[in-house]
PDB file of all heavy atoms in Angstrom:
ATOM      1  N   TRP A   1       1.409 -18.078  12.029  1.00  0.00           N
ATOM      2  CA  TRP A   1       1.716 -17.836  13.433  1.00  0.00           C
ATOM      3  C   TRP A   1       2.263 -16.428  13.573  1.00  0.00           C
ATOM      4  O   TRP A   1       3.007 -15.959  12.728  1.00  0.00           O
ATOM      5  CB  TRP A   1       2.733 -18.861  13.940  1.00  0.00           C
ATOM      6  CG  TRP A   1       2.097 -20.180  14.197  1.00  0.00           C
ATOM      7  CD1 TRP A   1       1.634 -20.656  15.391  1.00  0.00           C
ATOM      8  CD2 TRP A   1       1.822 -21.202  13.228  1.00  0.00           C
ATOM      9  NE1 TRP A   1       1.090 -21.902  15.233  1.00  0.00           N
ATOM     10  CE2 TRP A   1       1.182 -22.260  13.897  1.00  0.00           C
ATOM     11  CE3 TRP A   1       2.026 -21.331  11.862  1.00  0.00           C
ATOM     12  CZ2 TRP A   1       0.773 -23.422  13.272  1.00  0.00           C
ATOM     13  CZ3 TRP A   1       1.614 -22.490  11.226  1.00  0.00           C
ATOM     14  CH2 TRP A   1       1.006 -23.515  11.935  1.00  0.00           C
ATOM     15  N   THR A   2       1.882 -15.784  14.653  1.00  0.00           N
ATOM     16  CA  THR A   2       2.369 -14.435  14.907  1.00  0.00           C
ATOM     17  C   THR A   2       3.088 -14.413  16.254  1.00  0.00           C
ATOM     18  O   THR A   2       2.900 -15.306  17.084  1.00  0.00           O
ATOM     19  CB  THR A   2       1.218 -13.414  14.939  1.00  0.00           C
ATOM     20  OG1 THR A   2       0.340 -13.737  16.022  1.00  0.00           O
ATOM     21  CG2 THR A   2       0.451 -13.412  13.628  1.00  0.00           C
ATOM     22  N   ARG A   3       3.890 -13.401  16.447  1.00  0.00           N
ATOM     23  CA  ARG A   3       4.557 -13.238  17.731  1.00  0.00           C
ATOM     24  C   ARG A   3       3.522 -12.932  18.806  1.00  0.00           C
ATOM     25  O   ARG A   3       2.538 -12.247  18.556  1.00  0.00           O
ATOM     26  CB  ARG A   3       5.537 -12.064  17.661  1.00  0.00           C
ATOM     27  CG  ARG A   3       6.769 -12.374  16.877  1.00  0.00           C
ATOM     28  CD  ARG A   3       7.475 -11.110  16.554  1.00  0.00           C
ATOM     29  NE  ARG A   3       6.661 -10.517  15.488  1.00  0.00           N
ATOM     30  CZ  ARG A   3       6.689  -9.271  15.137  1.00  0.00           C
ATOM     31  NH1 ARG A   3       7.466  -8.437  15.723  1.00  0.00           N
ATOM     32  NH2 ARG A   3       5.935  -8.823  14.173  1.00  0.00           N
ATOM     33  N   GLN A   4       3.763 -13.417  19.993  1.00  0.00           N
ATOM     34  CA  GLN A   4       2.861 -13.111  21.092  1.00  0.00           C
ATOM     35  C   GLN A   4       3.010 -11.649  21.504  1.00  0.00           C
ATOM     36  O   GLN A   4       2.035 -10.975  21.768  1.00  0.00           O
ATOM     37  CB  GLN A   4       3.134 -14.017  22.282  1.00  0.00           C
ATOM     38  CG  GLN A   4       2.097 -13.836  23.370  1.00  0.00           C
ATOM     39  CD  GLN A   4       2.070 -15.020  24.307  1.00  0.00           C
ATOM     40  OE1 GLN A   4       2.708 -16.033  24.063  1.00  0.00           O
ATOM     41  NE2 GLN A   4       1.337 -14.905  25.380  1.00  0.00           N
ATOM     42  N   LEU A   5       4.235 -11.155  21.508  1.00  0.00           N
ATOM     43  CA  LEU A   5       4.485  -9.764  21.846  1.00  0.00           C
ATOM     44  C   LEU A   5       4.529  -8.962  20.549  1.00  0.00           C
ATOM     45  O   LEU A   5       5.363  -9.223  19.696  1.00  0.00           O
ATOM     46  CB  LEU A   5       5.816  -9.637  22.599  1.00  0.00           C
ATOM     47  CG  LEU A   5       6.210  -8.230  23.025  1.00  0.00           C
ATOM     48  CD1 LEU A   5       5.197  -7.665  24.020  1.00  0.00           C
ATOM     49  CD2 LEU A   5       7.593  -8.246  23.633  1.00  0.00           C
ATOM     50  N   LYS A   6       3.641  -8.016  20.388  1.00  0.00           N
ATOM     51  CA  LYS A   6       3.575  -7.203  19.173  1.00  0.00           C
ATOM     52  C   LYS A   6       4.385  -5.928  19.385  1.00  0.00           C
ATOM     53  O   LYS A   6       4.307  -5.304  20.428  1.00  0.00           O
ATOM     54  CB  LYS A   6       2.122  -6.816  18.856  1.00  0.00           C
ATOM     55  CG  LYS A   6       1.123  -7.966  18.850  1.00  0.00           C
ATOM     56  CD  LYS A   6       1.414  -8.960  17.764  1.00  0.00           C
ATOM     57  CE  LYS A   6       0.292  -9.959  17.639  1.00  0.00           C
ATOM     58  NZ  LYS A   6       0.619 -11.292  17.955  1.00  0.00           N
ATOM     59  N   PHE A   7       5.156  -5.562  18.388  1.00  0.00           N
ATOM     60  CA  PHE A   7       5.917  -4.319  18.504  1.00  0.00           C
ATOM     61  C   PHE A   7       5.075  -3.154  17.985  1.00  0.00           C
ATOM     62  O   PHE A   7       4.167  -3.338  17.194  1.00  0.00           O
ATOM     63  CB  PHE A   7       7.252  -4.416  17.753  1.00  0.00           C
ATOM     64  CG  PHE A   7       7.111  -4.538  16.262  1.00  0.00           C
ATOM     65  CD1 PHE A   7       7.093  -3.411  15.470  1.00  0.00           C
ATOM     66  CD2 PHE A   7       6.993  -5.777  15.651  1.00  0.00           C
ATOM     67  CE1 PHE A   7       6.955  -3.507  14.094  1.00  0.00           C
ATOM     68  CE2 PHE A   7       6.862  -5.884  14.281  1.00  0.00           C
ATOM     69  CZ  PHE A   7       6.843  -4.749  13.498  1.00  0.00           C
ATOM     70  N   ALA A   8       5.403  -1.976  18.464  1.00  0.00           N
ATOM     71  CA  ALA A   8       4.678  -0.778  18.055  1.00  0.00           C
ATOM     72  C   ALA A   8       5.274  -0.275  16.741  1.00  0.00           C
ATOM     73  O   ALA A   8       6.420   0.163  16.704  1.00  0.00           O
ATOM     74  CB  ALA A   8       4.779   0.291  19.128  1.00  0.00           C
ATOM     75  N   GLY A   9       4.534  -0.360  15.683  1.00  0.00           N
ATOM     76  CA  GLY A   9       4.995   0.101  14.379  1.00  0.00           C
ATOM     77  C   GLY A   9       4.629   1.559  14.154  1.00  0.00           C
ATOM     78  O   GLY A   9       4.162   2.263  15.054  1.00  0.00           O
ATOM     79  N   ILE A  10       4.826   2.003  12.927  1.00  0.00           N
ATOM     80  CA  ILE A  10       4.556   3.403  12.573  1.00  0.00           C
ATOM     81  C   ILE A  10       3.109   3.793  12.866  1.00  0.00           C
ATOM     82  O   ILE A  10       2.838   4.908  13.283  1.00  0.00           O
ATOM     83  CB  ILE A  10       4.930   3.689  11.094  1.00  0.00           C
ATOM     84  CG1 ILE A  10       4.831   5.181  10.767  1.00  0.00           C
ATOM     85  CG2 ILE A  10       4.073   2.895  10.145  1.00  0.00           C
ATOM     86  CD1 ILE A  10       5.859   6.037  11.403  1.00  0.00           C
ATOM     87  N   SER A  11       2.187   2.866  12.680  1.00  0.00           N
ATOM     88  CA  SER A  11       0.779   3.193  12.941  1.00  0.00           C
ATOM     89  C   SER A  11       0.547   3.591  14.389  1.00  0.00           C
ATOM     90  O   SER A  11      -0.323   4.404  14.679  1.00  0.00           O
ATOM     91  CB  SER A  11      -0.116   2.008  12.579  1.00  0.00           C
ATOM     92  OG  SER A  11      -0.058   1.773  11.198  1.00  0.00           O
ATOM     93  N   ASN A  12       1.314   3.024  15.303  1.00  0.00           N
ATOM     94  CA  ASN A  12       1.149   3.348  16.710  1.00  0.00           C
ATOM     95  C   ASN A  12       1.465   4.807  16.995  1.00  0.00           C
ATOM     96  O   ASN A  12       0.896   5.410  17.896  1.00  0.00           O
ATOM     97  CB  ASN A  12       2.017   2.429  17.566  1.00  0.00           C
ATOM     98  CG  ASN A  12       1.665   2.513  19.022  1.00  0.00           C
ATOM     99  OD1 ASN A  12       0.512   2.355  19.396  1.00  0.00           O
ATOM    100  ND2 ASN A  12       2.646   2.778  19.846  1.00  0.00           N
ATOM    101  N   THR A  13       2.374   5.403  16.219  1.00  0.00           N
ATOM    102  CA  THR A  13       2.714   6.809  16.448  1.00  0.00           C
ATOM    103  C   THR A  13       1.585   7.751  16.033  1.00  0.00           C
ATOM    104  O   THR A  13       1.619   8.929  16.365  1.00  0.00           O
ATOM    105  CB  THR A  13       4.009   7.197  15.701  1.00  0.00           C
ATOM    106  OG1 THR A  13       3.814   6.992  14.309  1.00  0.00           O
ATOM    107  CG2 THR A  13       5.191   6.398  16.199  1.00  0.00           C
ATOM    108  N   SER A  14       0.582   7.236  15.347  1.00  0.00           N
ATOM    109  CA  SER A  14      -0.559   8.077  14.970  1.00  0.00           C
ATOM    110  C   SER A  14      -1.285   8.614  16.197  1.00  0.00           C
ATOM    111  O   SER A  14      -1.937   9.651  16.126  1.00  0.00           O
ATOM    112  CB  SER A  14      -1.530   7.306  14.076  1.00  0.00           C
ATOM    113  OG  SER A  14      -2.120   6.232  14.800  1.00  0.00           O
ATOM    114  N   THR A  15      -1.145   7.938  17.325  1.00  0.00           N
ATOM    115  CA  THR A  15      -1.824   8.398  18.542  1.00  0.00           C
ATOM    116  C   THR A  15      -1.253   9.706  19.080  1.00  0.00           C
ATOM    117  O   THR A  15      -1.859  10.336  19.935  1.00  0.00           O
ATOM    118  CB  THR A  15      -1.761   7.309  19.640  1.00  0.00           C
ATOM    119  OG1 THR A  15      -0.384   7.028  19.918  1.00  0.00           O
ATOM    120  CG2 THR A  15      -2.460   6.040  19.197  1.00  0.00           C
ATOM    121  N   ILE A  16      -0.104  10.114  18.579  1.00  0.00           N
ATOM    122  CA  ILE A  16       0.505  11.377  18.992  1.00  0.00           C
ATOM    123  C   ILE A  16      -0.265  12.564  18.398  1.00  0.00           C
ATOM    124  O   ILE A  16      -0.247  13.659  18.946  1.00  0.00           O
ATOM    125  CB  ILE A  16       1.981  11.435  18.541  1.00  0.00           C
ATOM    126  CG1 ILE A  16       2.782  10.326  19.221  1.00  0.00           C
ATOM    127  CG2 ILE A  16       2.603  12.792  18.803  1.00  0.00           C
ATOM    128  CD1 ILE A  16       4.197  10.169  18.658  1.00  0.00           C
ATOM    129  N   TYR A  17      -0.948  12.332  17.283  1.00  0.00           N
ATOM    130  CA  TYR A  17      -1.607  13.405  16.534  1.00  0.00           C
ATOM    131  C   TYR A  17      -3.131  13.302  16.628  1.00  0.00           C
ATOM    132  O   TYR A  17      -3.683  12.219  16.722  1.00  0.00           O
ATOM    133  CB  TYR A  17      -1.185  13.346  15.058  1.00  0.00           C
ATOM    134  CG  TYR A  17       0.303  13.431  14.887  1.00  0.00           C
ATOM    135  CD1 TYR A  17       1.081  12.278  14.764  1.00  0.00           C
ATOM    136  CD2 TYR A  17       0.952  14.662  14.881  1.00  0.00           C
ATOM    137  CE1 TYR A  17       2.453  12.350  14.627  1.00  0.00           C
ATOM    138  CE2 TYR A  17       2.329  14.735  14.747  1.00  0.00           C
ATOM    139  CZ  TYR A  17       3.074  13.579  14.618  1.00  0.00           C
ATOM    140  OH  TYR A  17       4.434  13.647  14.486  1.00  0.00           O
ATOM    141  N   LYS A  18      -3.786  14.462  16.573  1.00  0.00           N
ATOM    142  CA  LYS A  18      -5.251  14.486  16.598  1.00  0.00           C
ATOM    143  C   LYS A  18      -5.853  14.249  15.220  1.00  0.00           C
ATOM    144  O   LYS A  18      -6.881  13.611  15.087  1.00  0.00           O
ATOM    145  CB  LYS A  18      -5.745  15.818  17.157  1.00  0.00           C
ATOM    146  CG  LYS A  18      -5.445  15.987  18.621  1.00  0.00           C
ATOM    147  CD  LYS A  18      -5.963  17.305  19.131  1.00  0.00           C
ATOM    148  CE  LYS A  18      -5.583  17.447  20.601  1.00  0.00           C
ATOM    149  NZ  LYS A  18      -5.756  18.778  21.101  1.00  0.00           N
ATOM    150  N   ARG A  19      -5.204  14.827  14.182  1.00  0.00           N
ATOM    151  CA  ARG A  19      -5.731  14.698  12.826  1.00  0.00           C
ATOM    152  C   ARG A  19      -4.579  14.460  11.859  1.00  0.00           C
ATOM    153  O   ARG A  19      -3.595  15.182  11.868  1.00  0.00           O
ATOM    154  CB  ARG A  19      -6.492  15.956  12.406  1.00  0.00           C
ATOM    155  CG  ARG A  19      -7.789  16.132  13.185  1.00  0.00           C
ATOM    156  CD  ARG A  19      -8.481  17.417  12.812  1.00  0.00           C
ATOM    157  NE  ARG A  19      -9.168  17.385  11.537  1.00  0.00           N
ATOM    158  CZ  ARG A  19     -10.358  16.864  11.327  1.00  0.00           C
ATOM    159  NH1 ARG A  19     -10.986  16.247  12.305  1.00  0.00           N
ATOM    160  NH2 ARG A  19     -10.928  16.929  10.145  1.00  0.00           N
ATOM    161  N   GLY A  20      -4.744  13.457  11.043  1.00  0.00           N
ATOM    162  CA  GLY A  20      -3.692  13.155  10.091  1.00  0.00           C
ATOM    163  C   GLY A  20      -4.234  12.494   8.840  1.00  0.00           C
ATOM    164  O   GLY A  20      -5.428  12.218   8.732  1.00  0.00           O
ATOM    165  N   ILE A  21      -3.326  12.247   7.926  1.00  0.00           N
ATOM    166  CA  ILE A  21      -3.661  11.588   6.662  1.00  0.00           C
ATOM    167  C   ILE A  21      -2.765  10.373   6.517  1.00  0.00           C
ATOM    168  O   ILE A  21      -1.550  10.461   6.708  1.00  0.00           O
ATOM    169  CB  ILE A  21      -3.430  12.541   5.465  1.00  0.00           C
ATOM    170  CG1 ILE A  21      -4.322  13.774   5.584  1.00  0.00           C
ATOM    171  CG2 ILE A  21      -3.693  11.814   4.148  1.00  0.00           C
ATOM    172  CD1 ILE A  21      -4.006  14.854   4.553  1.00  0.00           C
ATOM    173  N   ARG A  22      -3.365   9.229   6.194  1.00  0.00           N
ATOM    174  CA  ARG A  22      -2.613   8.027   5.838  1.00  0.00           C
ATOM    175  C   ARG A  22      -2.720   7.881   4.332  1.00  0.00           C
ATOM    176  O   ARG A  22      -3.803   7.683   3.791  1.00  0.00           O
ATOM    177  CB  ARG A  22      -3.195   6.779   6.507  1.00  0.00           C
ATOM    178  CG  ARG A  22      -2.908   6.642   7.985  1.00  0.00           C
ATOM    179  CD  ARG A  22      -1.435   6.599   8.347  1.00  0.00           C
ATOM    180  NE  ARG A  22      -0.642   5.666   7.577  1.00  0.00           N
ATOM    181  CZ  ARG A  22      -0.104   4.556   8.038  1.00  0.00           C
ATOM    182  NH1 ARG A  22      -0.272   4.210   9.290  1.00  0.00           N
ATOM    183  NH2 ARG A  22       0.623   3.784   7.259  1.00  0.00           N
ATOM    184  N   VAL A  23      -1.598   7.990   3.634  1.00  0.00           N
ATOM    185  CA  VAL A  23      -1.542   7.825   2.183  1.00  0.00           C
ATOM    186  C   VAL A  23      -0.884   6.482   1.916  1.00  0.00           C
ATOM    187  O   VAL A  23       0.171   6.191   2.475  1.00  0.00           O
ATOM    188  CB  VAL A  23      -0.692   8.921   1.506  1.00  0.00           C
ATOM    189  CG1 VAL A  23      -0.708   8.755  -0.001  1.00  0.00           C
ATOM    190  CG2 VAL A  23      -1.161  10.299   1.899  1.00  0.00           C
ATOM    191  N   CYS A  24      -1.517   5.682   1.081  1.00  0.00           N
ATOM    192  CA  CYS A  24      -0.906   4.394   0.762  1.00  0.00           C
ATOM    193  C   CYS A  24      -1.200   4.028  -0.682  1.00  0.00           C
ATOM    194  O   CYS A  24      -2.163   4.504  -1.281  1.00  0.00           O
ATOM    195  CB  CYS A  24      -1.409   3.306   1.700  1.00  0.00           C
ATOM    196  SG  CYS A  24      -3.200   3.131   1.735  1.00  0.00           S
ATOM    197  N   THR A  25      -0.323   3.195  -1.217  1.00  0.00           N
ATOM    198  CA  THR A  25      -0.528   2.671  -2.553  1.00  0.00           C
ATOM    199  C   THR A  25      -0.538   1.154  -2.458  1.00  0.00           C
ATOM    200  O   THR A  25       0.174   0.564  -1.642  1.00  0.00           O
ATOM    201  CB  THR A  25       0.579   3.130  -3.527  1.00  0.00           C
ATOM    202  OG1 THR A  25       1.841   2.704  -3.041  1.00  0.00           O
ATOM    203  CG2 THR A  25       0.572   4.641  -3.689  1.00  0.00           C
ATOM    204  N   GLY A  26      -1.388   0.525  -3.263  1.00  0.00           N
ATOM    205  CA  GLY A  26      -1.441  -0.931  -3.342  1.00  0.00           C
ATOM    206  C   GLY A  26      -1.559  -1.617  -2.002  1.00  0.00           C
ATOM    207  O   GLY A  26      -2.396  -1.271  -1.171  1.00  0.00           O
ATOM    208  N   THR A  27      -0.665  -2.581  -1.763  1.00  0.00           N
ATOM    209  CA  THR A  27      -0.708  -3.359  -0.528  1.00  0.00           C
ATOM    210  C   THR A  27      -0.322  -2.556   0.704  1.00  0.00           C
ATOM    211  O   THR A  27      -0.494  -3.019   1.822  1.00  0.00           O
ATOM    212  CB  THR A  27       0.208  -4.601  -0.618  1.00  0.00           C
ATOM    213  OG1 THR A  27       1.539  -4.170  -0.897  1.00  0.00           O
ATOM    214  CG2 THR A  27      -0.277  -5.564  -1.679  1.00  0.00           C
ATOM    215  N   GLY A  28       0.165  -1.336   0.517  1.00  0.00           N
ATOM    216  CA  GLY A  28       0.444  -0.445   1.644  1.00  0.00           C
ATOM    217  C   GLY A  28      -0.798  -0.191   2.482  1.00  0.00           C
ATOM    218  O   GLY A  28      -0.708   0.256   3.626  1.00  0.00           O
ATOM    219  N   LEU A  29      -1.956  -0.503   1.912  1.00  0.00           N
ATOM    220  CA  LEU A  29      -3.205  -0.369   2.658  1.00  0.00           C
ATOM    221  C   LEU A  29      -3.160  -1.169   3.953  1.00  0.00           C
ATOM    222  O   LEU A  29      -3.706  -0.749   4.967  1.00  0.00           O
ATOM    223  CB  LEU A  29      -4.390  -0.840   1.792  1.00  0.00           C
ATOM    224  CG  LEU A  29      -5.753  -0.763   2.452  1.00  0.00           C
ATOM    225  CD1 LEU A  29      -6.164   0.698   2.660  1.00  0.00           C
ATOM    226  CD2 LEU A  29      -6.795  -1.500   1.619  1.00  0.00           C
ATOM    227  N   GLY A  30      -2.460  -2.308   3.929  1.00  0.00           N
ATOM    228  CA  GLY A  30      -2.375  -3.143   5.124  1.00  0.00           C
ATOM    229  C   GLY A  30      -1.766  -2.424   6.310  1.00  0.00           C
ATOM    230  O   GLY A  30      -2.162  -2.639   7.446  1.00  0.00           O
ATOM    231  N   ALA A  31      -0.825  -1.560   6.049  1.00  0.00           N
ATOM    232  CA  ALA A  31      -0.182  -0.815   7.127  1.00  0.00           C
ATOM    233  C   ALA A  31      -0.970   0.424   7.541  1.00  0.00           C
ATOM    234  O   ALA A  31      -0.766   0.964   8.621  1.00  0.00           O
ATOM    235  CB  ALA A  31       1.223  -0.398   6.698  1.00  0.00           C
ATOM    236  N   ALA A  32      -1.875   0.879   6.686  1.00  0.00           N
ATOM    237  CA  ALA A  32      -2.561   2.156   6.921  1.00  0.00           C
ATOM    238  C   ALA A  32      -3.994   2.034   7.429  1.00  0.00           C
ATOM    239  O   ALA A  32      -4.475   2.896   8.156  1.00  0.00           O
ATOM    240  CB  ALA A  32      -2.571   2.971   5.619  1.00  0.00           C
ATOM    241  N   LEU A  33      -4.676   0.982   7.045  1.00  0.00           N
ATOM    242  CA  LEU A  33      -6.128   0.935   7.257  1.00  0.00           C
ATOM    243  C   LEU A  33      -6.555   0.916   8.717  1.00  0.00           C
ATOM    244  O   LEU A  33      -7.518   1.586   9.082  1.00  0.00           O
ATOM    245  CB  LEU A  33      -6.724  -0.255   6.494  1.00  0.00           C
ATOM    246  CG  LEU A  33      -8.247  -0.322   6.422  1.00  0.00           C
ATOM    247  CD1 LEU A  33      -8.850   0.987   5.903  1.00  0.00           C
ATOM    248  CD2 LEU A  33      -8.691  -1.488   5.549  1.00  0.00           C
ATOM    249  N   SER A  34      -5.858   0.181   9.568  1.00  0.00           N
ATOM    250  CA  SER A  34      -6.272   0.114  10.978  1.00  0.00           C
ATOM    251  C   SER A  34      -6.313   1.497  11.626  1.00  0.00           C
ATOM    252  O   SER A  34      -7.205   1.790  12.412  1.00  0.00           O
ATOM    253  CB  SER A  34      -5.341  -0.794  11.781  1.00  0.00           C
ATOM    254  OG  SER A  34      -5.533  -2.130  11.412  1.00  0.00           O
ATOM    255  N   THR A  35      -5.333   2.337  11.306  1.00  0.00           N
ATOM    256  CA  THR A  35      -5.305   3.687  11.867  1.00  0.00           C
ATOM    257  C   THR A  35      -6.595   4.424  11.536  1.00  0.00           C
ATOM    258  O   THR A  35      -7.202   5.057  12.406  1.00  0.00           O
ATOM    259  CB  THR A  35      -4.097   4.474  11.314  1.00  0.00           C
ATOM    260  OG1 THR A  35      -2.898   3.802  11.682  1.00  0.00           O
ATOM    261  CG2 THR A  35      -4.072   5.893  11.850  1.00  0.00           C
ATOM    262  N   CYS A  36      -7.015   4.347  10.284  1.00  0.00           N
ATOM    263  CA  CYS A  36      -8.207   5.085   9.847  1.00  0.00           C
ATOM    264  C   CYS A  36      -9.510   4.446  10.337  1.00  0.00           C
ATOM    265  O   CYS A  36     -10.493   5.142  10.572  1.00  0.00           O
ATOM    266  CB  CYS A  36      -8.205   5.204   8.325  1.00  0.00           C
ATOM    267  SG  CYS A  36      -6.794   6.140   7.704  1.00  0.00           S
TER     268      CYS A  36
END
């Protein structure tokens, strides 16, 4: 089950930038992949 209201995490701040790099290791991919 997930919350109905989703909070804006670090990935949401990617919209501030035009070009960036998401670096992740291991399971950190879960937090990075949607942005890319």
